[in-house]
Amino acid sequence: MKKIVGYLIFIVLALFSAISYQLFIFPNSFAPAGFNGIATMIQHIFGINVGYLSLIFNIPLIIAVYILVNKDFAINTLVYILTFSGSLILLEHIDISKIAYQTDTGTSSILGPLVAGIVNGGILGIAFLMNCCSGGTELVAALIHKFKPSYDFVWVTFVLNSAVAVLSFFVFGFNFEPVILCVLYCYSQSVVSDKMLKGNKEAVRFEIITDTPEEIAKEVIDKLGHSATLINAEGCYTHNQKNLLICVVNKHQIVPFKQILAKYPGTFACVSNVSYTIGYFRNPRESNSTISS
């Protein structure tokens, strides 16, 4: 039942993605990121539906991922790709131009790629969280990571998206606007998908040197709903014994945390961003329970 529900979610996500292509991407003459960007330019030149091209690009990659990397990931992605491609092929025979967003009617040219990037970024983020992807570069990344775990795929993605943006200039009538729209789409998709992946797991870490660790920890527990880790430390200059208190809190708790520290003169603290938390970290807005470290 859990797998069936997951497949239904992938089908819905892929359907929404296909609709966003028909409403915001195809009518506005620009190419999105990755393999679908290449497919969109081929469709623009030769009239071959992106749905067919998506199948041609992705099926061999899915088979390779199934054999070499992860069977569940490959099957989930196959469900997504079949739905996405089938929906694009079906939508070719359904006239939805009346509700499509077209910039040649005097509307803003940036809204189409901006909305498409936000929608597909959210879809991509949800898919990743459920062990699935939208195909293309993500499948290539999975294969590369299998054999080269230390390889930085970010540069491969950057090169591919840059190539799509540059080719857009020539494909869409020697015009810089499609290049800019492609960059805008890539940026908005990346920001939204990254935010979806992190969700409310972003946090802030305080590292505090203090002579009153118990008092500070008690206030953090009582007022902020988080605990801390106490480590014995030694100053390198004076070689005096110190207390290092490490505490991770939600971003909106920075100000009240600073107010707590201000009560204890001589306390030194440094603050850093935490991109993701795993384990018993909780948002006190969602739970009133005290969390122990």
Protein backbone atom coordinates (compact mmCIF):
# COMPACT_ATOMS: atom_id res chain seq x y z
CA MET A 1 0.00 0.00 0.00
CA LYS A 2 2.84 2.39 0.83
CA LYS A 3 4.42 1.75 -2.58
CA ILE A 4 1.09 2.26 -4.34
CA VAL A 5 0.58 5.59 -2.58
CA GLY A 6 4.13 6.57 -3.54
CA TYR A 7 3.49 5.71 -7.20
CA LEU A 8 0.28 7.78 -7.16
CA ILE A 9 2.23 10.74 -5.78
CA PHE A 10 4.85 10.37 -8.55
CA ILE A 11 2.06 10.28 -11.13
CA VAL A 12 0.51 13.48 -9.77
CA LEU A 13 3.90 15.23 -9.62
CA ALA A 14 4.75 14.25 -13.19
CA LEU A 15 1.33 15.36 -14.42
CA PHE A 16 1.73 18.79 -12.83
CA SER A 17 5.22 19.09 -14.33
CA ALA A 18 3.93 18.27 -17.82
CA ILE A 19 1.14 20.83 -17.44
CA SER A 20 3.64 23.48 -16.34
CA TYR A 21 5.64 22.81 -19.51
CA GLN A 22 2.55 23.29 -21.64
CA LEU A 23 1.41 26.42 -19.82
CA PHE A 24 4.63 28.27 -19.04
CA ILE A 25 7.60 26.89 -21.01
CA PHE A 26 6.58 25.92 -24.54
CA PRO A 27 4.47 29.06 -25.23
CA ASN A 28 7.31 31.40 -24.22
CA SER A 29 10.14 30.11 -26.44
CA PHE A 30 12.87 29.27 -23.95
CA ALA A 31 14.59 26.07 -22.88
CA PRO A 32 14.58 24.87 -19.25
CA ALA A 33 17.50 23.17 -17.52
CA GLY A 34 19.16 19.85 -18.26
CA PHE A 35 18.10 17.17 -20.71
CA ASN A 36 14.58 18.58 -20.97
CA GLY A 37 16.11 21.85 -22.13
CA ILE A 38 17.83 20.01 -24.96
CA ALA A 39 14.57 18.18 -25.75
CA THR A 40 12.66 21.47 -25.78
CA MET A 41 15.07 22.96 -28.34
CA ILE A 42 14.79 19.83 -30.52
CA GLN A 43 11.01 20.14 -30.34
CA HIS A 44 11.24 23.81 -31.33
CA ILE A 45 13.39 23.03 -34.39
CA PHE A 46 12.03 19.70 -35.62
CA GLY A 47 8.59 19.51 -34.00
CA ILE A 48 9.31 16.24 -32.15
CA ASN A 49 7.29 16.10 -28.94
CA VAL A 50 9.38 16.41 -25.76
CA GLY A 51 7.48 13.41 -24.40
CA TYR A 52 9.02 11.08 -26.98
CA LEU A 53 12.45 12.62 -26.50
CA SER A 54 12.20 12.24 -22.73
CA LEU A 55 11.58 8.51 -23.17
CA ILE A 56 14.50 8.17 -25.58
CA PHE A 57 16.87 10.03 -23.21
CA ASN A 58 15.76 8.50 -19.93
CA ILE A 59 14.83 4.84 -20.49
CA PRO A 60 18.46 3.70 -21.13
CA LEU A 61 19.62 5.69 -18.09
CA ILE A 62 16.87 4.20 -15.91
CA ILE A 63 17.86 0.67 -16.99
CA ALA A 64 21.50 1.41 -16.12
CA VAL A 65 20.53 2.83 -12.71
CA TYR A 66 18.30 -0.21 -12.05
CA ILE A 67 21.16 -2.61 -12.77
CA LEU A 68 24.05 -0.69 -11.25
CA VAL A 69 22.75 1.64 -8.55
CA ASN A 70 19.33 1.29 -6.91
CA LYS A 71 16.28 -0.66 -8.08
CA ASP A 72 13.66 1.28 -6.09
CA PHE A 73 15.06 4.63 -7.23
CA ALA A 74 14.99 3.44 -10.84
CA ILE A 75 11.42 2.10 -10.64
CA ASN A 76 10.14 5.26 -8.96
CA THR A 77 11.79 7.38 -11.63
CA LEU A 78 10.37 5.14 -14.37
CA VAL A 79 6.84 5.77 -13.06
CA TYR A 80 7.53 9.51 -13.08
CA ILE A 81 9.05 9.54 -16.59
CA LEU A 82 6.30 7.40 -18.12
CA THR A 83 3.65 9.71 -16.66
CA PHE A 84 5.51 12.90 -17.62
CA SER A 85 6.18 11.75 -21.20
CA GLY A 86 2.70 10.29 -21.66
CA SER A 87 1.10 13.49 -20.36
CA LEU A 88 3.09 15.65 -22.78
CA ILE A 89 2.14 13.40 -25.69
CA LEU A 90 -1.52 13.49 -24.63
CA LEU A 91 -1.55 17.26 -24.06
CA GLU A 92 -0.32 17.75 -27.63
CA HIS A 93 -3.82 16.75 -28.72
CA ILE A 94 -5.61 18.93 -26.17
CA ASP A 95 -5.85 22.66 -26.82
CA ILE A 96 -5.06 24.52 -23.59
CA SER A 97 -3.61 27.59 -25.32
CA LYS A 98 -6.42 29.77 -23.96
CA ILE A 99 -5.09 29.39 -20.41
CA ALA A 100 -1.37 29.27 -21.32
CA TYR A 101 0.82 32.17 -20.19
CA GLN A 102 2.28 33.80 -23.31
CA THR A 103 4.63 36.76 -23.25
CA ASP A 104 3.80 37.87 -26.79
CA THR A 105 0.49 39.24 -25.51
CA GLY A 106 2.22 42.07 -23.65
CA THR A 107 2.68 40.28 -20.35
CA SER A 108 5.98 40.12 -18.46
CA SER A 109 8.48 37.76 -20.08
CA ILE A 110 10.05 36.70 -16.77
CA LEU A 111 6.90 35.36 -15.13
CA GLY A 112 6.63 32.24 -17.33
CA PRO A 113 10.08 30.81 -16.49
CA LEU A 114 9.81 32.05 -12.90
CA VAL A 115 6.55 30.19 -12.26
CA ALA A 116 7.78 27.11 -14.16
CA GLY A 117 10.99 27.10 -12.13
CA ILE A 118 9.12 27.37 -8.83
CA VAL A 119 6.64 24.63 -9.75
CA ASN A 120 9.25 22.21 -11.08
CA GLY A 121 11.65 23.03 -8.25
CA GLY A 122 8.99 22.06 -5.73
CA ILE A 123 8.19 18.90 -7.68
CA LEU A 124 11.86 17.97 -7.87
CA GLY A 125 12.34 18.54 -4.13
CA ILE A 126 9.39 16.29 -3.22
CA ALA A 127 10.58 13.63 -5.67
CA PHE A 128 14.07 13.60 -4.15
CA LEU A 129 12.64 13.24 -0.64
CA MET A 130 10.71 10.16 -1.84
CA ASN A 131 13.69 8.47 -3.52
CA CYS A 132 12.76 9.53 -7.03
CA CYS A 133 13.89 12.07 -9.61
CA SER A 134 12.71 13.74 -12.81
CA GLY A 135 15.29 11.95 -14.95
CA GLY A 136 18.09 13.36 -17.07
CA THR A 137 20.97 14.86 -15.14
CA GLU A 138 19.85 13.31 -11.83
CA LEU A 139 20.15 9.81 -13.33
CA VAL A 140 23.58 10.64 -14.75
CA ALA A 141 24.58 11.94 -11.31
CA ALA A 142 23.50 8.65 -9.69
CA LEU A 143 25.60 6.65 -12.16
CA ILE A 144 28.66 8.86 -11.76
CA HIS A 145 28.38 8.74 -7.97
CA LYS A 146 28.31 4.95 -8.12
CA PHE A 147 31.79 4.77 -9.65
CA LYS A 148 33.22 8.14 -8.58
CA PRO A 149 31.79 8.92 -5.12
CA SER A 150 34.15 11.86 -4.62
CA TYR A 151 33.39 13.42 -8.02
CA ASP A 152 31.68 16.81 -7.84
CA PHE A 153 28.68 16.54 -10.19
CA VAL A 154 27.83 20.20 -9.66
CA TRP A 155 30.28 21.14 -12.40
CA VAL A 156 28.74 18.67 -14.85
CA THR A 157 25.30 20.15 -14.17
CA PHE A 158 26.68 23.66 -14.53
CA VAL A 159 28.31 22.86 -17.87
CA LEU A 160 25.15 21.18 -19.21
CA ASN A 161 22.88 24.03 -18.15
CA SER A 162 25.34 26.59 -19.52
CA ALA A 163 25.36 24.76 -22.86
CA VAL A 164 21.54 24.81 -22.93
CA ALA A 165 21.54 28.55 -22.18
CA VAL A 166 24.12 29.33 -24.89
CA LEU A 167 22.38 27.17 -27.50
CA SER A 168 19.12 28.97 -26.69
CA PHE A 169 20.57 32.08 -28.28
CA PHE A 170 20.90 30.36 -31.65
CA VAL A 171 17.81 28.14 -31.50
CA PHE A 172 15.34 30.87 -30.57
CA GLY A 173 16.22 33.43 -33.23
CA PHE A 174 19.60 34.85 -32.16
CA ASN A 175 18.01 36.53 -29.17
CA PHE A 176 19.47 37.03 -25.70
CA GLU A 177 16.09 36.87 -23.96
CA PRO A 178 15.80 33.03 -24.09
CA VAL A 179 19.27 32.81 -22.55
CA ILE A 180 18.23 35.06 -19.66
CA LEU A 181 14.97 33.17 -19.21
CA CYS A 182 16.85 29.85 -19.09
CA VAL A 183 19.15 31.20 -16.37
CA LEU A 184 16.16 32.53 -14.43
CA TYR A 185 14.42 29.16 -14.67
CA CYS A 186 17.53 27.29 -13.50
CA TYR A 187 17.98 29.64 -10.55
CA SER A 188 14.37 29.55 -9.35
CA GLN A 189 14.20 25.77 -9.73
CA SER A 190 17.44 25.31 -7.78
CA VAL A 191 16.40 27.63 -4.95
CA VAL A 192 12.97 26.05 -4.49
CA SER A 193 14.17 22.43 -4.73
CA ASP A 194 16.95 23.16 -2.23
CA LYS A 195 14.46 24.73 0.15
CA MET A 196 12.12 21.76 -0.24
CA LEU A 197 14.93 19.33 0.54
CA LYS A 198 16.01 21.21 3.66
CA GLY A 199 12.49 22.07 4.78
CA ASN A 200 12.50 23.12 8.43
CA LYS A 201 15.76 21.29 9.04
CA GLU A 202 17.87 24.43 8.69
CA ALA A 203 19.17 25.67 12.01
CA VAL A 204 21.84 27.74 13.77
CA ARG A 205 24.68 26.40 15.92
CA PHE A 206 26.03 28.34 18.89
CA GLU A 207 29.47 27.44 20.25
CA ILE A 208 29.85 29.16 23.61
CA ILE A 209 32.90 29.56 25.87
CA THR A 210 31.58 30.30 29.35
CA ASP A 211 32.15 29.87 33.07
CA THR A 212 28.41 29.42 33.65
CA PRO A 213 27.42 26.52 31.38
CA GLU A 214 24.76 25.05 33.67
CA GLU A 215 22.89 28.36 34.01
CA ILE A 216 22.92 29.02 30.25
CA ALA A 217 21.90 25.46 29.43
CA LYS A 218 18.97 25.64 31.87
CA GLU A 219 17.67 28.83 30.25
CA VAL A 220 18.04 27.34 26.78
CA ILE A 221 16.08 24.26 27.84
CA ASP A 222 13.35 26.21 29.65
CA LYS A 223 12.90 29.07 27.19
CA LEU A 224 13.88 27.66 23.78
CA GLY A 225 12.96 24.00 24.07
CA HIS A 226 16.43 22.73 23.08
CA SER A 227 19.27 21.29 25.08
CA ALA A 228 23.05 21.50 24.61
CA THR A 229 26.26 19.50 24.74
CA LEU A 230 28.92 20.41 27.31
CA ILE A 231 32.59 19.79 26.48
CA ASN A 232 35.62 20.41 28.68
CA ALA A 233 38.04 22.74 26.89
CA GLU A 234 41.37 24.46 27.49
CA GLY A 235 42.43 27.94 26.40
CA CYS A 236 45.52 27.86 24.18
CA TYR A 237 46.86 31.21 25.42
CA THR A 238 46.28 30.97 29.18
CA HIS A 239 45.84 27.16 29.37
CA ASN A 240 42.96 27.78 31.73
CA GLN A 241 40.21 25.17 31.85
CA LYS A 242 37.06 26.34 30.08
CA ASN A 243 33.59 25.05 29.25
CA LEU A 244 32.46 24.73 25.64
CA LEU A 245 28.70 24.64 25.27
CA ILE A 246 27.33 23.60 21.85
CA CYS A 247 23.68 24.21 21.09
CA VAL A 248 21.65 23.99 17.86
CA VAL A 249 18.44 26.03 17.68
CA ASN A 250 15.97 27.19 15.06
CA LYS A 251 16.86 30.28 13.04
CA HIS A 252 14.05 32.36 14.51
CA GLN A 253 15.54 31.77 17.99
CA ILE A 254 18.78 33.69 17.35
CA VAL A 255 17.56 36.87 19.06
CA PRO A 256 16.24 35.20 22.25
CA PHE A 257 19.44 33.15 22.42
CA LYS A 258 21.52 36.34 22.25
CA GLN A 259 19.36 37.81 25.00
CA ILE A 260 20.17 34.82 27.20
CA LEU A 261 23.92 35.15 26.56
CA ALA A 262 23.82 38.90 27.31
CA LYS A 263 23.00 38.06 30.95
CA TYR A 264 26.37 36.38 31.44
CA PRO A 265 29.37 38.75 31.13
CA GLY A 266 32.60 37.25 29.88
CA THR A 267 30.80 34.72 27.70
CA PHE A 268 32.13 34.32 24.16
CA ALA A 269 30.07 32.74 21.37
CA CYS A 270 30.41 32.09 17.67
CA VAL A 271 27.45 31.35 15.41
CA SER A 272 27.28 29.25 12.24
CA ASN A 273 24.53 28.06 9.92
CA VAL A 274 23.46 24.41 9.94
CA SER A 275 22.06 23.38 6.57
CA TYR A 276 20.40 20.18 7.80
CA THR A 277 19.68 18.38 11.06
CA ILE A 278 19.15 14.67 11.62
CA GLY A 279 17.85 13.01 14.77
CA TYR A 280 16.01 14.43 17.77
CA PHE A 281 16.02 18.06 16.68
CA ARG A 282 12.52 19.51 16.97
CA ASN A 283 10.79 22.80 16.22
CA PRO A 284 9.39 24.08 19.52
CA ARG A 285 6.47 25.59 17.60
CA GLU A 286 5.43 22.04 16.74
CA SER A 287 6.19 20.39 20.07
CA ASN A 288 6.25 21.61 23.64
CA SER A 289 8.32 18.69 24.82
CA THR A 290 11.84 19.26 26.08
CA ILE A 291 14.46 17.66 23.87
CA SER A 292 17.56 16.20 25.48
CA SER A 293 20.85 16.04 23.69
